[in-house]
Amino acid sequence: MCSIFSLRNGVFPAIDHHHHNNCANVKPQIARYSTHLSNSRRTELRAQLTDNISVVQSKPISQEDVINDDKRVIVGTYGRTPIVLTSGKGCKLYDIEGREYIDLTSGIAVNALGHGDPDWVQAITDQANVLTHVSNIYYSLPQVNLAERLVASSFADRVFFSNSGTEANEAAIKFSRKFQRFSHPNNTDPPTEFISFSNSFHGRTIGSLALTSKEHYRTPFEPVMPGVTFLKYGDIDAAQELISSGKIAAVFVEPIQGEGGIYSASKDFLKSLRGACDKAGSLLVFDEVQCGLGRTGYLWAHEAYGVTPDIMTLAKPLAGGLPIGATLVTERVNAAINFGDHGSTFAGGPLVCAAAIAVFDKISNPSFLTSVTIKGDYLKETLKKKLQGNKHVKEIRGFGLIVGIELDVSATPLVDACRESGLLILTAGKGDIVRLVPPLVISEEELDRAVEIIHECLHVLDEKISN
């Protein structure tokens, strides 16, 4: 069955009606039928739609068709890149017109094992044939097995599963406030405020959004959750002073900022946060939604700093492309949480947890993590050899396979030119940083070709300035 937006029939206005004479009697505006159609008319249109499916599936669908249909039926929250991707294998993606791309986006740092990893596919197939979803009313084996792996490999004692990074951070917000109430049973005004930092990104839902520093993300939806103070990323003195006020429930920080521009925290900064939180009774939350699970060459990004949090949030790569989030906590935090304090219908389902186990078992292998470190160093060295002499390249930085190229101009023309040349890359920061987050299984040969394409396309930055 093809998707609704690709169905070429008279019911939906996304369709070229000249191709279907048998639908000519149906007016295009009927597609907006919400309150104007009788039940009998709805039934008639559904039957007509069903009758035409076989005809629809025989018609070729172009990139323009899909883009136009998307604009008609999808809420306009995304400024999408104008290509329609239809398949992928390894570190390559293919569009609807058959063009091949090297993928240095990984679905925004999600597809850590690339596209179509055979063990991942097999795990999903096997689990789908047995049990897909039961809700959290019942126990299920894949959820317990995944949680055991996460606990055994980290500082944490317990795991709460959700469906995305922003949900993982929402859970961390709630757990932090509940912890403070639990820890101050006789205090009618326990700590409820939060610290976040410049260039931070923690999600789009209303609590996580309040922790995200970019004003243009927050402003249209204000008032967001109150009680958040933004400090400069790396400012030890300001953080220690505010934490010592006794009002801070938790400090949220990314050990490596992805969306914010590929900025790495210093060891002194994270250690100072740990010490200040311990002294004041505040919780320290590490958001590793993008930088965690092998991206840096360490299983967890914070391991490189020798500092452990009270709570860690995970998501993007954990299930290799299926939606998942995880909030890892210590037993001290868990002690404050009771039945009913939080929950989710879909979270931690058998299918997504089976996929996550397949991902985790590969990435957590020490030899795999070593390969990420080697390839990350190779990528940075190759970029510096090829690009560092260019007048628009200010800095090349990163950790493992999360790498940023800071420019003195907008990175968008370069991203567009690379796409036309068969390479998919991202921006970050204020749009002046190229973000490279390839699948962790990428080869050095693919990295060589990717860097060569970036080098070949740098001239567009000069053209943009002259224009």
Protein backbone atom coordinates (compact mmCIF):
# COMPACT_ATOMS: atom_id res chain seq x y z
CA MET A 1 0.00 0.00 0.00
CA CYS A 2 1.52 3.33 -0.97
CA SER A 3 1.23 6.33 1.30
CA ILE A 4 -1.68 8.74 1.22
CA PHE A 5 0.28 11.67 -0.17
CA SER A 6 1.45 9.65 -3.18
CA LEU A 7 -1.98 8.39 -4.18
CA ARG A 8 -2.93 9.88 -7.51
CA ASN A 9 -6.71 10.17 -7.42
CA GLY A 10 -9.37 12.85 -7.34
CA VAL A 11 -9.82 12.73 -3.60
CA PHE A 12 -6.56 14.48 -2.77
CA PRO A 13 -5.54 17.84 -4.24
CA ALA A 14 -1.89 16.72 -4.46
CA ILE A 15 -2.79 14.77 -7.58
CA ASP A 16 -2.57 15.51 -11.28
CA HIS A 17 -6.19 14.94 -12.19
CA HIS A 18 -5.52 14.83 -15.94
CA HIS A 19 -4.08 11.32 -15.50
CA HIS A 20 -7.34 9.87 -14.17
CA ASN A 21 -10.45 10.48 -16.22
CA ASN A 22 -12.40 8.12 -13.99
CA CYS A 23 -11.93 10.59 -11.12
CA ALA A 24 -12.90 13.68 -13.05
CA ASN A 25 -16.26 13.93 -11.34
CA VAL A 26 -14.60 14.43 -7.95
CA LYS A 27 -13.83 18.05 -7.17
CA PRO A 28 -10.29 18.77 -5.86
CA GLN A 29 -11.60 20.81 -2.94
CA ILE A 30 -13.28 17.68 -1.56
CA ALA A 31 -9.83 16.81 -0.21
CA ARG A 32 -10.51 19.28 2.58
CA TYR A 33 -13.61 17.38 3.56
CA SER A 34 -13.45 17.63 7.37
CA THR A 35 -16.96 19.03 8.02
CA HIS A 36 -18.51 19.15 4.54
CA LEU A 37 -18.94 15.47 3.70
CA SER A 38 -21.76 13.23 4.75
CA ASN A 39 -20.93 9.76 6.01
CA SER A 40 -22.29 8.22 2.82
CA ARG A 41 -20.09 10.49 0.70
CA ARG A 42 -17.04 9.60 2.78
CA THR A 43 -17.79 5.92 2.25
CA GLU A 44 -18.14 6.50 -1.49
CA LEU A 45 -14.80 8.31 -1.70
CA ARG A 46 -13.00 5.65 0.35
CA ALA A 47 -14.35 2.97 -1.97
CA GLN A 48 -13.21 4.95 -4.99
CA LEU A 49 -9.77 5.35 -3.43
CA THR A 50 -9.51 1.60 -2.85
CA ASP A 51 -10.56 0.84 -6.43
CA ASN A 52 -7.85 3.08 -7.80
CA ILE A 53 -4.92 1.80 -5.73
CA SER A 54 -3.76 -0.65 -8.38
CA VAL A 55 -3.79 2.13 -10.97
CA VAL A 56 -1.94 4.48 -8.65
CA GLN A 57 0.86 2.03 -7.93
CA SER A 58 1.58 1.60 -11.63
CA LYS A 59 2.25 5.31 -12.12
CA PRO A 60 5.81 6.62 -11.65
CA ILE A 61 6.22 9.21 -8.91
CA SER A 62 8.68 12.06 -9.42
CA GLN A 63 10.62 14.08 -6.88
CA GLU A 64 8.48 17.09 -7.70
CA ASP A 65 5.31 15.09 -7.08
CA VAL A 66 6.42 14.07 -3.59
CA ILE A 67 7.63 17.55 -2.64
CA ASN A 68 4.39 19.15 -3.81
CA ASP A 69 2.28 16.52 -2.04
CA ASP A 70 4.30 17.00 1.15
CA LYS A 71 3.61 20.73 1.08
CA ARG A 72 -0.11 20.05 0.81
CA VAL A 73 -0.54 17.50 3.58
CA ILE A 74 2.34 17.90 6.10
CA VAL A 75 2.41 20.65 8.74
CA GLY A 76 5.01 23.17 7.61
CA THR A 77 7.51 22.86 10.45
CA TYR A 78 10.42 21.67 8.31
CA GLY A 79 12.49 23.59 5.80
CA ARG A 80 13.39 20.42 3.98
CA THR A 81 16.30 19.87 1.61
CA PRO A 82 14.77 19.44 -1.88
CA ILE A 83 15.57 15.77 -2.44
CA VAL A 84 13.45 12.69 -1.84
CA LEU A 85 15.46 9.82 -0.35
CA THR A 86 14.17 6.34 -1.09
CA SER A 87 16.86 3.86 -0.01
CA GLY A 88 20.20 3.49 1.69
CA LYS A 89 22.97 0.99 2.19
CA GLY A 90 25.93 1.40 4.47
CA CYS A 91 27.06 5.01 4.26
CA LYS A 92 25.29 5.72 0.96
CA LEU A 93 21.83 7.12 0.32
CA TYR A 94 19.84 7.14 -2.92
CA ASP A 95 17.14 9.52 -4.03
CA ILE A 96 13.98 8.93 -6.02
CA GLU A 97 15.80 9.76 -9.24
CA GLY A 98 18.58 7.26 -8.59
CA ARG A 99 21.33 9.67 -7.51
CA GLU A 100 23.84 8.43 -4.94
CA TYR A 101 25.06 10.40 -1.93
CA ILE A 102 27.72 9.82 0.71
CA ASP A 103 25.89 10.33 3.98
CA LEU A 104 27.74 12.40 6.57
CA THR A 105 24.51 13.27 8.40
CA SER A 106 23.40 9.85 9.71
CA GLY A 107 19.87 11.21 10.01
CA ILE A 108 21.28 13.83 12.42
CA ALA A 109 23.65 11.46 14.25
CA VAL A 110 21.11 8.62 14.43
CA ASN A 111 22.18 5.94 11.95
CA ALA A 112 25.36 4.98 13.78
CA LEU A 113 25.56 1.63 11.96
CA GLY A 114 24.69 3.17 8.62
CA HIS A 115 21.72 2.10 6.56
CA GLY A 116 20.49 -1.47 6.40
CA ASP A 117 22.98 -3.04 8.81
CA PRO A 118 22.21 -6.77 8.42
CA ASP A 119 22.33 -7.60 12.14
CA TRP A 120 20.04 -4.67 12.95
CA VAL A 121 17.61 -5.67 10.20
CA GLN A 122 17.63 -9.27 11.42
CA ALA A 123 16.97 -8.23 15.02
CA ILE A 124 13.96 -6.16 13.98
CA THR A 125 12.63 -8.87 11.68
CA ASP A 126 12.96 -11.57 14.31
CA GLN A 127 11.29 -9.47 17.00
CA ALA A 128 8.48 -8.26 14.70
CA ASN A 129 7.62 -11.88 14.04
CA VAL A 130 7.21 -12.51 17.77
CA LEU A 131 6.00 -9.37 19.61
CA THR A 132 6.03 -5.69 18.71
CA HIS A 133 4.17 -3.75 21.40
CA VAL A 134 2.52 -4.46 24.75
CA SER A 135 2.73 -1.08 26.56
CA ASN A 136 4.31 -0.60 29.96
CA ILE A 137 1.42 -2.22 31.77
CA TYR A 138 3.31 -5.48 31.28
CA TYR A 139 6.90 -6.69 31.58
CA SER A 140 8.81 -7.48 28.39
CA LEU A 141 12.15 -9.20 27.98
CA PRO A 142 13.87 -6.91 25.41
CA GLN A 143 13.30 -3.86 27.64
CA VAL A 144 14.89 -5.54 30.63
CA ASN A 145 17.77 -6.88 28.54
CA LEU A 146 18.54 -3.44 27.11
CA ALA A 147 18.33 -1.76 30.51
CA GLU A 148 20.72 -4.35 31.96
CA ARG A 149 23.26 -3.49 29.26
CA LEU A 150 22.97 0.25 29.86
CA VAL A 151 23.30 -0.11 33.62
CA ALA A 152 26.24 -2.52 33.39
CA SER A 153 28.15 -0.17 31.09
CA SER A 154 27.56 3.12 32.90
CA PHE A 155 27.38 4.96 36.22
CA ALA A 156 23.63 4.37 36.36
CA ASP A 157 21.52 1.97 38.41
CA ARG A 158 18.17 2.44 36.68
CA VAL A 159 16.78 3.39 33.26
CA PHE A 160 13.57 5.10 32.18
CA PHE A 161 12.73 4.62 28.50
CA SER A 162 10.96 7.13 26.29
CA ASN A 163 10.68 7.78 22.55
CA SER A 164 13.05 10.66 21.77
CA GLY A 165 15.76 12.90 23.09
CA THR A 166 13.41 15.67 24.13
CA GLU A 167 11.31 13.14 26.06
CA ALA A 168 14.41 11.83 27.78
CA ASN A 169 15.19 15.37 28.91
CA GLU A 170 11.60 15.98 30.01
CA ALA A 171 11.93 12.92 32.23
CA ALA A 172 15.18 14.31 33.63
CA ILE A 173 13.42 17.60 34.43
CA LYS A 174 10.63 15.83 36.29
CA PHE A 175 12.98 13.47 38.11
CA SER A 176 15.16 16.41 39.20
CA ARG A 177 12.27 18.29 40.72
CA LYS A 178 10.84 15.17 42.35
CA PHE A 179 14.27 14.38 43.78
CA GLN A 180 14.47 17.81 45.40
CA ARG A 181 11.03 17.46 46.96
CA PHE A 182 11.95 14.00 48.21
CA SER A 183 15.25 15.29 49.61
CA HIS A 184 13.63 18.26 51.36
CA PRO A 185 10.43 16.78 52.87
CA ASN A 186 9.99 19.60 55.36
CA ASN A 187 10.79 22.40 52.95
CA THR A 188 7.74 24.02 51.35
CA ASP A 189 10.00 25.70 48.80
CA PRO A 190 12.58 23.13 47.62
CA PRO A 191 14.98 23.89 44.75
CA THR A 192 13.07 23.94 41.45
CA GLU A 193 15.25 26.02 39.12
CA PHE A 194 17.66 24.89 36.40
CA ILE A 195 20.91 25.99 34.82
CA SER A 196 21.56 25.58 31.11
CA PHE A 197 24.26 27.09 28.91
CA SER A 198 24.87 29.16 25.82
CA ASN A 199 24.63 27.26 22.52
CA SER A 200 22.67 24.50 24.26
CA PHE A 201 20.02 22.37 22.61
CA HIS A 202 17.91 20.00 24.69
CA GLY A 203 14.75 19.54 22.64
CA ARG A 204 11.52 21.03 21.34
CA THR A 205 8.89 20.08 23.93
CA ILE A 206 7.98 22.78 26.39
CA GLY A 207 10.31 21.82 29.26
CA SER A 208 13.30 20.86 27.11
CA LEU A 209 12.66 23.94 24.99
CA ALA A 210 12.99 26.09 28.10
CA LEU A 211 16.51 24.65 28.51
CA THR A 212 17.46 25.41 24.88
CA SER A 213 19.41 28.62 24.49
CA LYS A 214 18.40 29.79 21.00
CA GLU A 215 15.75 32.45 21.50
CA HIS A 216 14.12 31.94 18.12
CA TYR A 217 13.21 28.39 19.16
CA ARG A 218 11.58 29.61 22.41
CA THR A 219 10.04 32.97 21.60
CA PRO A 220 7.01 31.81 19.55
CA PHE A 221 5.91 29.55 22.41
CA GLU A 222 6.48 31.71 25.46
CA PRO A 223 5.84 31.53 28.28
CA VAL A 224 7.84 28.33 28.46
CA MET A 225 8.78 26.58 31.72
CA PRO A 226 10.06 29.24 34.15
CA GLY A 227 13.11 29.01 36.37
CA VAL A 228 15.89 28.48 33.81
CA THR A 229 19.07 30.57 33.83
CA PHE A 230 21.47 30.46 30.86
CA LEU A 231 25.16 30.86 31.62
CA LYS A 232 28.11 31.00 29.26
CA TYR A 233 29.29 27.50 28.37
CA GLY A 234 32.52 26.97 30.28
CA ASP A 235 32.07 29.80 32.80
CA ILE A 236 33.13 28.08 36.02
CA ASP A 237 32.78 31.06 38.34
CA ALA A 238 29.25 31.98 37.24
CA ALA A 239 28.08 28.39 37.49
CA GLN A 240 29.54 27.84 40.95
CA GLU A 241 28.01 31.06 42.23
CA LEU A 242 24.50 30.26 41.00
CA ILE A 243 24.59 26.62 42.09
CA SER A 244 25.61 27.71 45.58
CA SER A 245 22.43 29.79 45.87
CA GLY A 246 20.54 26.64 46.88
CA LYS A 247 17.77 27.25 44.33
CA ILE A 248 19.04 24.93 41.59
CA ALA A 249 17.34 21.56 41.18
CA ALA A 250 19.68 20.48 38.39
CA VAL A 251 22.32 21.62 35.93
CA PHE A 252 21.85 20.46 32.33
CA VAL A 253 24.96 20.35 30.16
CA GLU A 254 26.12 18.67 26.96
CA PRO A 255 29.71 17.40 27.27
CA ILE A 256 29.95 18.14 23.55
CA GLN A 257 27.45 20.51 21.98
CA GLY A 258 26.22 19.28 18.60
CA GLU A 259 23.45 21.58 17.44
CA GLY A 260 25.21 24.45 19.19
CA GLY A 261 28.33 24.20 17.03
CA ILE A 262 30.54 21.24 18.03
CA TYR A 263 31.94 22.77 21.19
CA SER A 264 33.60 20.49 23.74
CA ALA A 265 33.52 21.18 27.44
CA SER A 266 36.80 21.35 29.32
CA LYS A 267 37.58 18.81 32.02
CA ASP A 268 37.93 21.60 34.58
CA PHE A 269 34.47 22.92 33.70
CA LEU A 270 32.69 19.59 34.13
CA LYS A 271 34.65 18.80 37.31
CA SER A 272 33.71 22.17 38.77
CA LEU A 273 30.03 21.52 38.01
CA ARG A 274 30.27 18.14 39.71
CA GLY A 275 31.86 19.62 42.81
CA ALA A 276 29.43 22.53 43.05
CA CYS A 277 26.40 20.25 42.61
CA ASP A 278 27.65 17.86 45.27
CA LYS A 279 28.15 20.71 47.71
CA ALA A 280 24.75 22.31 47.08
CA GLY A 281 22.66 19.17 46.64
CA SER A 282 21.85 19.93 42.99
CA LEU A 283 21.78 17.19 40.36
CA LEU A 284 24.14 17.12 37.40
CA VAL A 285 22.52 16.04 34.13
CA PHE A 286 24.60 15.17 31.08
CA ASP A 287 22.68 15.38 27.82
CA GLU A 288 24.40 12.85 25.55
CA VAL A 289 21.54 12.58 23.08
CA GLN A 290 23.87 13.42 20.18
CA CYS A 291 27.37 12.88 21.53
CA GLY A 292 26.79 9.64 23.45
CA LEU A 293 27.02 5.95 22.52
CA GLY A 294 30.31 5.78 20.68
CA ARG A 295 30.19 9.01 18.70
CA THR A 296 33.33 10.32 20.42
CA GLY A 297 35.20 7.01 20.45
CA TYR A 298 34.17 6.52 24.06
CA LEU A 299 30.99 4.66 24.85
CA TRP A 300 29.79 7.71 26.79
CA ALA A 301 31.23 11.13 25.98
CA HIS A 302 31.71 12.05 29.65
CA GLU A 303 34.12 9.14 30.14
CA ALA A 304 36.83 11.22 28.47
CA TYR A 305 36.54 13.76 31.30
CA GLY A 306 36.55 11.45 34.29
CA VAL A 307 33.32 13.03 35.57
CA THR A 308 30.05 11.19 36.14
CA PRO A 309 26.55 12.71 36.29
CA ASP A 310 23.53 11.89 38.41
CA ILE A 311 21.38 11.61 35.28
CA MET A 312 22.29 11.02 31.64
CA THR A 313 19.94 11.32 28.68
CA LEU A 314 20.33 9.29 25.48
CA ALA A 315 18.41 8.91 22.25
CA LYS A 316 19.58 9.44 18.68
CA PRO A 317 21.79 6.43 17.85
CA LEU A 318 20.48 4.04 20.48
CA ALA A 319 18.00 2.13 18.30
CA GLY A 320 19.78 2.77 15.00
CA GLY A 321 16.92 4.72 13.43
CA LEU A 322 13.87 3.65 15.41
CA PRO A 323 12.48 6.14 17.95
CA ILE A 324 13.85 5.73 21.46
CA GLY A 325 15.00 7.81 24.39
CA ALA A 326 16.55 6.79 27.69
CA THR A 327 17.07 8.58 30.99
CA LEU A 328 19.72 6.88 33.11
CA VAL A 329 19.75 7.64 36.84
CA THR A 330 21.55 6.65 40.02
CA GLU A 331 19.77 4.74 42.78
CA ARG A 332 19.76 7.95 44.82
CA VAL A 333 17.58 9.62 42.17
CA ASN A 334 15.48 6.52 41.64
CA ALA A 335 14.58 6.45 45.33
CA ALA A 336 12.54 9.61 44.83
CA ILE A 337 10.41 8.17 42.01
CA ASN A 338 7.12 6.41 42.68
CA PHE A 339 4.59 4.51 40.59
CA GLY A 340 2.73 6.94 38.35
CA ASP A 341 5.28 9.75 38.54
CA HIS A 342 5.99 9.38 34.83
CA GLY A 343 5.11 7.05 31.98
CA SER A 344 4.77 6.39 28.27
CA THR A 345 2.59 4.12 26.16
CA PHE A 346 5.13 3.29 23.47
CA ALA A 347 8.43 3.62 25.31
CA GLY A 348 10.70 0.62 25.64
CA GLY A 349 8.59 -1.60 23.41
CA PRO A 350 9.93 -5.02 22.39
CA LEU A 351 10.63 -4.05 18.78
CA VAL A 352 12.60 -0.88 19.43
CA CYS A 353 14.51 -2.45 22.33
CA ALA A 354 15.50 -5.43 20.17
CA ALA A 355 16.86 -2.96 17.62
CA ALA A 356 18.71 -1.06 20.36
CA ILE A 357 20.30 -4.24 21.70
CA ALA A 358 21.69 -4.98 18.24
CA VAL A 359 23.12 -1.45 18.03
CA PHE A 360 24.50 -1.42 21.56
CA ASP A 361 26.20 -4.80 21.26
CA LYS A 362 28.13 -3.64 18.19
CA ILE A 363 29.07 -0.16 19.35
CA SER A 364 30.08 -1.19 22.88
CA ASN A 365 32.72 -3.56 21.52
CA PRO A 366 36.11 -2.03 22.46
CA SER A 367 37.52 -2.64 18.97
CA PHE A 368 34.58 -0.79 17.45
CA LEU A 369 35.15 2.20 19.73
CA THR A 370 38.85 2.20 18.86
CA SER A 371 37.95 2.31 15.18
CA VAL A 372 35.81 5.39 15.77
CA THR A 373 38.72 7.17 17.43
CA ILE A 374 41.05 6.26 14.57
CA LYS A 375 38.60 7.38 11.90
CA GLY A 376 37.80 10.57 13.78
CA ASP A 377 41.49 11.51 13.96
CA TYR A 378 41.88 10.61 10.29
CA LEU A 379 38.93 12.80 9.30
CA LYS A 380 40.22 15.83 11.20
CA GLU A 381 43.74 15.41 9.84
CA THR A 382 42.47 15.07 6.28
CA LEU A 383 40.24 18.11 6.64
CA LYS A 384 43.11 20.18 7.95
CA LYS A 385 45.36 19.14 5.06
CA LYS A 386 42.74 20.00 2.48
CA LEU A 387 40.90 22.96 3.95
CA GLN A 388 42.95 24.80 6.52
CA GLY A 389 44.56 27.12 3.98
CA ASN A 390 41.20 28.42 2.80
CA LYS A 391 40.49 31.95 3.96
CA HIS A 392 36.92 31.11 5.00
CA VAL A 393 37.86 28.20 7.28
CA LYS A 394 38.37 29.51 10.81
CA GLU A 395 38.66 26.26 12.75
CA ILE A 396 38.29 22.50 12.41
CA ARG A 397 37.33 20.86 15.69
CA GLY A 398 35.64 17.82 17.10
CA PHE A 399 35.90 14.60 19.04
CA GLY A 400 35.77 11.22 17.35
CA LEU A 401 33.22 11.32 14.54
CA ILE A 402 31.45 14.50 15.59
CA VAL A 403 33.37 17.20 13.72
CA GLY A 404 32.75 20.86 12.96
CA ILE A 405 34.19 23.19 10.34
CA GLU A 406 33.72 26.79 11.43
CA LEU A 407 33.48 29.31 8.59
CA ASP A 408 33.50 33.09 8.50
CA VAL A 409 30.38 33.04 6.30
CA SER A 410 27.15 31.05 6.13
CA ALA A 411 27.72 27.36 5.50
CA THR A 412 24.50 26.94 3.51
CA PRO A 413 25.98 27.52 0.03
CA LEU A 414 28.65 24.91 0.76
CA VAL A 415 26.07 22.42 2.03
CA ASP A 416 24.00 22.94 -1.13
CA ALA A 417 26.99 22.59 -3.45
CA CYS A 418 28.12 19.41 -1.70
CA ARG A 419 24.68 17.93 -2.09
CA GLU A 420 24.74 18.63 -5.82
CA SER A 421 28.09 16.83 -5.91
CA GLY A 422 26.83 13.77 -4.04
CA LEU A 423 27.60 14.53 -0.39
CA LEU A 424 25.13 15.17 2.44
CA ILE A 425 26.33 17.34 5.34
CA LEU A 426 24.69 19.51 8.02
CA THR A 427 25.04 22.96 9.53
CA ALA A 428 25.25 23.88 13.22
CA GLY A 429 25.68 26.88 15.48
CA LYS A 430 24.50 30.08 13.86
CA GLY A 431 24.58 28.48 10.42
CA ASP A 432 28.30 29.18 10.02
CA ILE A 433 29.49 25.71 11.02
CA VAL A 434 29.53 22.57 8.89
CA ARG A 435 28.58 19.59 11.07
CA LEU A 436 29.90 16.16 10.10
CA VAL A 437 28.35 13.20 11.93
CA PRO A 438 28.81 10.21 9.60
CA PRO A 439 27.78 6.66 10.40
CA LEU A 440 30.36 5.21 12.78
CA VAL A 441 31.01 2.41 10.27
CA ILE A 442 32.22 4.77 7.53
CA SER A 443 35.45 3.79 5.75
CA GLU A 444 38.54 5.92 5.26
CA GLU A 445 37.95 5.75 1.52
CA GLU A 446 34.49 7.26 1.97
CA LEU A 447 35.92 9.93 4.25
CA ASP A 448 38.57 10.74 1.63
CA ARG A 449 35.93 11.22 -1.03
CA ALA A 450 33.75 13.30 1.28
CA VAL A 451 36.62 15.66 2.14
CA GLU A 452 37.53 15.91 -1.55
CA ILE A 453 33.98 17.00 -2.39
CA ILE A 454 34.02 19.63 0.38
CA HIS A 455 37.35 20.90 -0.94
CA GLU A 456 36.08 21.02 -4.51
CA CYS A 457 32.98 22.97 -3.45
CA LEU A 458 34.68 25.63 -1.30
CA HIS A 459 34.75 28.05 -4.21
CA VAL A 460 31.00 28.67 -3.78
CA LEU A 461 31.77 30.64 -0.62
CA ASP A 462 33.68 33.19 -2.68
CA GLU A 463 30.93 33.27 -5.29
CA LYS A 464 28.33 33.91 -2.62
CA ILE A 465 30.30 36.87 -1.28
CA SER A 466 30.81 38.36 -4.75
CA ASN A 467 27.11 37.99 -5.52
